[in-house]
Structure formats: C-alpha cells, structure tokens
C-alpha cells in the first residue's frame, strides 16, 4: 500500500492505543511519590504498547522498531517505526489532558507519515510528506506572523534529567526570549507544543537536545502545515540535528538568532 493508504491503518492503530489510555485517564488522577509516579508511567506505557506495536507490525512487517523511547540521532537505512505509546505520560498520570499517542514512519532517516492522537482533547493529527497536515480531517496551517515581538513561543525539556549544559542553555534561552517575544512558555511534552505550532495557535517552539519520539511526529506536522523546521544554526532540521526550532516561516531564523546570542 502507498503512504496515504498506510496512514489510514496507522491512524486506526494509534487511536486504538489512545482509547486504552483514555479508559485509564481521569482528571482526578494523582500520585503521591516518585515510586508511584514511575509505576503509573510504566503501566500506561505497557498497556498502550500492547495494542500499538502489534498493529503497526501487521501494517509494515519489514519495518524496524525504534525501541529506545529516549533515543537520539539517525536510525539508518530502511523503514522504522518511531512511536511514543504515552507521549506526555506524566501529564496523564497527574490528570491533565495534554497527552497522547504518536506513531511516525521514518524512511531512510526522513519522517514520511505520522498520526498523533490526543484523545482527552478529541484531536487526531495526521500528515503524509508532501500532502499537507490535518486535524480531524481538516487541513491546518502554521502561523504567518512576522514579528517575533508579537509572537507566542514555547520550549521544554527533551527528557527528565537533562545534562547540566542543556539545562543552562535552556534557562539562558528563556531569559533571552522573554526580551524578544511577546509570551514564553515552558512545558512538556514536545509533541503537544508542536501540534500547536502546526495549527497556528503558537508561533514558535525550540528545544535543545533531541529525542526522536518527541520531535519526529511534530516536526513533520509543522513542515506539512507550511511552517519552518530548522536547527539553531539555521540548517534544515534532520534526525542528526542537535536541537530543533519549529515556527512560522518568517520567525524561525529570528528565533535562531536570539538563541545564538
């Protein structure tokens, strides 16, 4: 099947996994300590993966599976499934609606199709490279804002326990961006911020460090929604990039310039 046909099956698989998590979700969800938090996160991951992985493997039996949820860098030749069975799991555990399930097919280190389901928000984002991005079947477009001083931008941690250098760069960048942009937020997960860029509700996003499962889906959605996706040097973003900027086309380079100061 071609990528458009494949996307239908991928969306169904991601939706089914998301439904499993939705049944485990409540706005009353809370945890009391670190051990309970990790146990709840692991249980959610296992429940969703048990549905998601077999479904994707049936769709593309020869595609490899990216087993490292915090993996970075390139994957190599061929097709790979890059997924997050509970993206924003920490939010789910704490009763917030900002979580979902993602699956992206990466071909020769290029994301070519993705489905992102945020079930507590009733949102299904899809994209096929070269064919645009959609929310619940309707085409979406990134912001066309041109003034960074009027922009809403955001950032966040790529993963818990970031290296001290990444933490320093992140805190310094927020301080500089507070002088340059209208409003600055910091939250997780990256995918939830990136879909906001793809829909034009947020004008830009940056993240130091790179976790494939957190960036691949959102980067493709922003690209297909007409946004710009680059690294902090201004080069096009790839799986080999060390950081990521996704923004309105006229804001990506101004954001990079602020981050480079």
Protein backbone atom coordinates (compact mmCIF):
# COMPACT_ATOMS: atom_id res chain seq x y z
CA UNK A 1 0.00 0.00 0.00
CA UNK A 2 1.13 3.59 -0.57
CA UNK A 3 1.71 6.05 2.25
CA UNK A 4 -1.79 7.54 2.04
CA UNK A 5 -3.37 4.11 2.40
CA UNK A 6 -0.93 3.19 5.15
CA UNK A 7 -1.82 6.33 7.10
CA UNK A 8 -5.40 5.09 7.49
CA UNK A 9 -4.22 1.95 9.24
CA UNK A 10 -1.67 3.84 11.33
CA UNK A 11 -4.32 6.28 12.50
CA UNK A 12 -6.60 3.41 13.47
CA UNK A 13 -3.76 1.75 15.42
CA UNK A 14 -2.82 4.93 17.26
CA UNK A 15 -6.49 5.68 18.01
CA UNK A 16 -6.99 2.20 19.47
CA UNK A 17 -3.95 2.58 21.73
CA UNK A 18 -5.09 6.04 22.78
CA UNK A 19 -8.50 4.66 23.70
CA UNK A 20 -6.82 2.20 26.07
CA UNK A 21 -5.15 5.12 27.83
CA UNK A 22 -8.32 7.20 27.81
CA UNK A 23 -10.02 4.44 29.78
CA UNK A 24 -7.23 4.75 32.36
CA UNK A 25 -7.44 8.54 32.49
CA UNK A 26 -9.29 10.75 34.94
CA UNK A 27 -8.90 14.40 35.83
CA UNK A 28 -8.78 13.11 39.40
CA UNK A 29 -5.58 11.12 38.70
CA UNK A 30 -2.79 11.87 41.18
CA UNK A 31 0.36 10.22 42.53
CA UNK A 32 1.95 10.79 45.93
CA UNK A 33 5.63 9.99 45.40
CA UNK A 34 8.31 9.12 42.86
CA UNK A 35 7.81 5.37 43.11
CA UNK A 36 4.08 5.67 42.44
CA UNK A 37 4.79 8.03 39.54
CA UNK A 38 7.19 5.63 37.84
CA UNK A 39 4.86 2.67 38.39
CA UNK A 40 1.92 4.53 36.82
CA UNK A 41 4.06 5.66 33.87
CA UNK A 42 5.30 2.11 33.24
CA UNK A 43 1.78 0.68 33.45
CA UNK A 44 0.44 3.20 30.94
CA UNK A 45 3.30 2.55 28.53
CA UNK A 46 2.78 -1.20 28.72
CA UNK A 47 -0.98 -1.01 28.20
CA UNK A 48 -0.70 1.23 25.15
CA UNK A 49 2.27 -0.57 23.59
CA UNK A 50 0.45 -3.91 23.83
CA UNK A 51 -2.10 -2.52 21.37
CA UNK A 52 0.07 -0.20 19.26
CA UNK A 53 3.09 -2.32 18.41
CA UNK A 54 1.32 -5.44 17.05
CA UNK A 55 -0.99 -3.28 14.93
CA UNK A 56 1.89 -1.35 13.36
CA UNK A 57 3.92 -4.50 12.81
CA UNK A 58 1.00 -6.05 10.94
CA UNK A 59 0.79 -3.00 8.71
CA UNK A 60 4.52 -2.95 7.89
CA UNK A 61 6.08 -6.31 8.85
CA UNK A 62 9.52 -5.41 7.48
CA UNK A 63 9.83 -2.05 9.22
CA UNK A 64 12.22 -1.97 12.16
CA UNK A 65 11.12 -0.80 15.60
CA UNK A 66 12.84 2.01 17.48
CA UNK A 67 12.92 0.56 20.97
CA UNK A 68 14.63 3.50 22.63
CA UNK A 69 11.97 6.00 23.75
CA UNK A 70 14.71 8.50 24.59
CA UNK A 71 16.81 7.67 21.53
CA UNK A 72 18.59 10.40 19.60
CA UNK A 73 20.26 10.73 16.22
CA UNK A 74 19.83 8.86 12.98
CA UNK A 75 18.38 5.37 12.59
CA UNK A 76 19.94 4.22 9.32
CA UNK A 77 18.57 2.90 6.03
CA UNK A 78 15.14 1.42 5.57
CA UNK A 79 11.83 1.94 7.36
CA UNK A 80 11.49 2.43 11.11
CA UNK A 81 8.55 2.93 13.42
CA UNK A 82 9.24 5.76 15.87
CA UNK A 83 6.47 5.86 18.46
CA UNK A 84 5.53 7.17 21.84
CA UNK A 85 2.87 4.95 23.33
CA UNK A 86 2.11 7.54 26.01
CA UNK A 87 3.51 10.91 24.97
CA UNK A 88 3.10 13.26 27.92
CA UNK A 89 2.61 10.29 30.23
CA UNK A 90 3.46 12.44 33.25
CA UNK A 91 0.50 14.69 32.41
CA UNK A 92 -1.82 11.71 32.09
CA UNK A 93 -0.72 10.46 35.50
CA UNK A 94 -1.46 13.85 37.03
CA UNK A 95 -4.91 14.26 35.50
CA UNK A 96 -4.01 16.78 32.76
CA UNK A 97 -5.42 16.35 29.24
CA UNK A 98 -2.13 17.18 27.47
CA UNK A 99 -1.03 13.68 26.48
CA UNK A 100 -1.47 11.30 23.58
CA UNK A 101 -0.12 8.51 21.41
CA UNK A 102 2.12 9.01 18.38
CA UNK A 103 3.43 6.86 15.55
CA UNK A 104 5.73 8.04 12.77
CA UNK A 105 7.15 6.05 9.88
CA UNK A 106 10.73 7.11 9.20
CA UNK A 107 12.17 6.07 5.84
CA UNK A 108 15.91 6.41 5.28
CA UNK A 109 16.03 8.85 8.22
CA UNK A 110 13.21 11.05 6.88
CA UNK A 111 9.80 11.10 8.63
CA UNK A 112 7.24 10.35 5.89
CA UNK A 113 3.92 9.89 7.69
CA UNK A 114 2.57 10.37 11.17
CA UNK A 115 -0.53 10.09 13.33
CA UNK A 116 -0.86 11.86 16.67
CA UNK A 117 -3.96 11.26 18.77
CA UNK A 118 -4.74 13.40 21.82
CA UNK A 119 -7.86 11.58 23.00
CA UNK A 120 -8.70 13.69 26.04
CA UNK A 121 -8.80 16.70 23.69
CA UNK A 122 -10.62 14.80 20.90
CA UNK A 123 -7.84 15.66 18.43
CA UNK A 124 -6.36 13.49 15.68
CA UNK A 125 -3.42 15.00 13.76
CA UNK A 126 -2.17 13.34 10.58
CA UNK A 127 0.35 14.08 7.84
CA UNK A 128 1.95 12.46 4.82
CA UNK A 129 5.10 14.11 3.50
CA UNK A 130 4.22 16.30 0.55
CA UNK A 131 0.46 16.13 1.17
CA UNK A 132 -0.17 18.60 3.99
CA UNK A 133 -1.22 18.19 7.62
CA UNK A 134 -4.70 17.73 9.06
CA UNK A 135 -6.58 17.96 12.34
CA UNK A 136 -9.63 15.69 12.49
CA UNK A 137 -9.50 15.53 8.69
CA UNK A 138 -9.39 19.30 8.10
CA UNK A 139 -6.21 20.90 6.66
CA UNK A 140 -4.22 23.02 9.11
CA UNK A 141 -1.75 25.85 8.60
CA UNK A 142 1.07 27.26 10.68
CA UNK A 143 1.10 30.90 11.74
CA UNK A 144 2.08 33.56 9.24
CA UNK A 145 3.18 36.02 11.93
CA UNK A 146 6.29 38.01 11.02
CA UNK A 147 7.12 39.90 14.25
CA UNK A 148 8.87 37.98 17.00
CA UNK A 149 7.86 40.73 19.41
CA UNK A 150 4.22 39.78 18.82
CA UNK A 151 4.80 36.02 18.94
CA UNK A 152 3.78 33.29 21.36
CA UNK A 153 6.66 30.83 21.70
CA UNK A 154 7.49 27.85 23.89
CA UNK A 155 10.16 25.38 24.88
CA UNK A 156 10.58 22.41 27.20
CA UNK A 157 12.79 19.58 28.38
CA UNK A 158 13.56 16.84 25.87
CA UNK A 159 13.67 14.33 28.75
CA UNK A 160 13.98 14.18 32.54
CA UNK A 161 17.45 14.55 33.98
CA UNK A 162 18.86 16.75 31.24
CA UNK A 163 22.62 17.29 31.24
CA UNK A 164 23.77 20.42 33.05
CA UNK A 165 24.86 22.08 29.80
CA UNK A 166 21.40 21.56 28.28
CA UNK A 167 19.76 22.95 31.41
CA UNK A 168 21.99 26.01 31.29
CA UNK A 169 21.26 26.62 27.61
CA UNK A 170 17.55 26.20 28.23
CA UNK A 171 17.41 28.64 31.14
CA UNK A 172 19.58 31.19 29.33
CA UNK A 173 17.44 30.93 26.20
CA UNK A 174 14.21 31.52 28.13
CA UNK A 175 15.72 34.64 29.66
CA UNK A 176 16.72 35.99 26.24
CA UNK A 177 13.43 35.03 24.63
CA UNK A 178 11.50 36.87 27.34
CA UNK A 179 13.10 40.04 25.96
CA UNK A 180 12.39 39.14 22.34
CA UNK A 181 8.93 37.52 22.18
CA UNK A 182 5.52 38.53 23.47
CA UNK A 183 4.93 35.47 25.68
CA UNK A 184 7.14 32.49 26.53
CA UNK A 185 6.02 29.15 27.98
CA UNK A 186 7.89 26.04 29.10
CA UNK A 187 6.05 22.73 29.24
CA UNK A 188 6.09 19.09 28.19
CA UNK A 189 5.66 17.10 26.04
CA UNK A 190 7.20 18.49 22.86
CA UNK A 191 4.56 16.95 20.60
CA UNK A 192 1.72 18.83 22.29
CA UNK A 193 3.60 22.10 21.73
CA UNK A 194 4.47 21.21 18.14
CA UNK A 195 0.88 20.49 17.14
CA UNK A 196 0.03 23.95 18.46
CA UNK A 197 2.65 25.37 16.10
CA UNK A 198 1.21 23.29 13.24
CA UNK A 199 -2.27 24.69 13.86
CA UNK A 200 -1.02 28.28 14.21
CA UNK A 201 -2.15 28.65 17.83
CA UNK A 202 1.51 29.09 18.85
CA UNK A 203 4.03 30.85 16.65
CA UNK A 204 7.23 29.02 17.53
CA UNK A 205 8.91 26.28 19.55
CA UNK A 206 12.52 25.44 20.31
CA UNK A 207 14.16 22.58 22.13
CA UNK A 208 17.76 21.82 22.98
CA UNK A 209 18.66 18.17 22.81
CA UNK A 210 16.82 15.76 20.58
CA UNK A 211 14.64 12.78 21.41
CA UNK A 212 13.32 11.18 18.22
CA UNK A 213 9.99 10.10 19.67
CA UNK A 214 9.32 13.61 20.92
CA UNK A 215 10.17 15.52 17.75
CA UNK A 216 9.61 13.37 14.65
CA UNK A 217 5.82 13.49 14.59
CA UNK A 218 5.51 17.16 15.44
CA UNK A 219 8.28 18.24 13.09
CA UNK A 220 6.56 16.54 10.17
CA UNK A 221 3.20 18.10 11.09
CA UNK A 222 4.71 21.59 11.27
CA UNK A 223 6.56 21.11 7.99
CA UNK A 224 3.42 19.89 6.22
CA UNK A 225 1.39 22.74 7.74
CA UNK A 226 3.71 25.19 5.99
CA UNK A 227 5.92 26.03 8.95
CA UNK A 228 9.71 26.09 9.08
CA UNK A 229 11.67 23.39 10.90
CA UNK A 230 15.37 24.14 11.33
CA UNK A 231 18.14 23.76 13.88
CA UNK A 232 19.76 26.60 15.78
CA UNK A 233 22.41 27.03 13.06
CA UNK A 234 19.65 27.76 10.53
CA UNK A 235 20.09 24.46 8.66
CA UNK A 236 17.05 22.27 7.88
CA UNK A 237 16.22 20.04 10.84
CA UNK A 238 17.05 16.34 10.47
CA UNK A 239 17.32 13.37 12.79
CA UNK A 240 21.02 14.21 13.08
CA UNK A 241 20.35 17.74 14.40
CA UNK A 242 21.31 18.51 17.98
CA UNK A 243 18.36 20.86 18.55
CA UNK A 244 15.15 21.99 16.88
CA UNK A 245 13.21 25.14 16.03
CA UNK A 246 9.70 24.85 14.57
CA UNK A 247 7.93 28.08 13.79
CA UNK A 248 6.07 30.34 11.43
CA UNK A 249 8.19 30.64 8.26
CA UNK A 250 9.27 34.23 8.98
CA UNK A 251 10.05 33.59 12.66
CA UNK A 252 12.33 30.56 12.58
CA UNK A 253 15.53 32.44 11.79
CA UNK A 254 14.81 35.33 14.19
CA UNK A 255 14.30 32.72 16.92
CA UNK A 256 17.61 31.09 15.95
CA UNK A 257 19.30 34.48 16.13
CA UNK A 258 18.03 35.04 19.68
CA UNK A 259 19.18 31.58 20.74
CA UNK A 260 22.65 32.19 19.27
CA UNK A 261 23.36 35.30 21.38
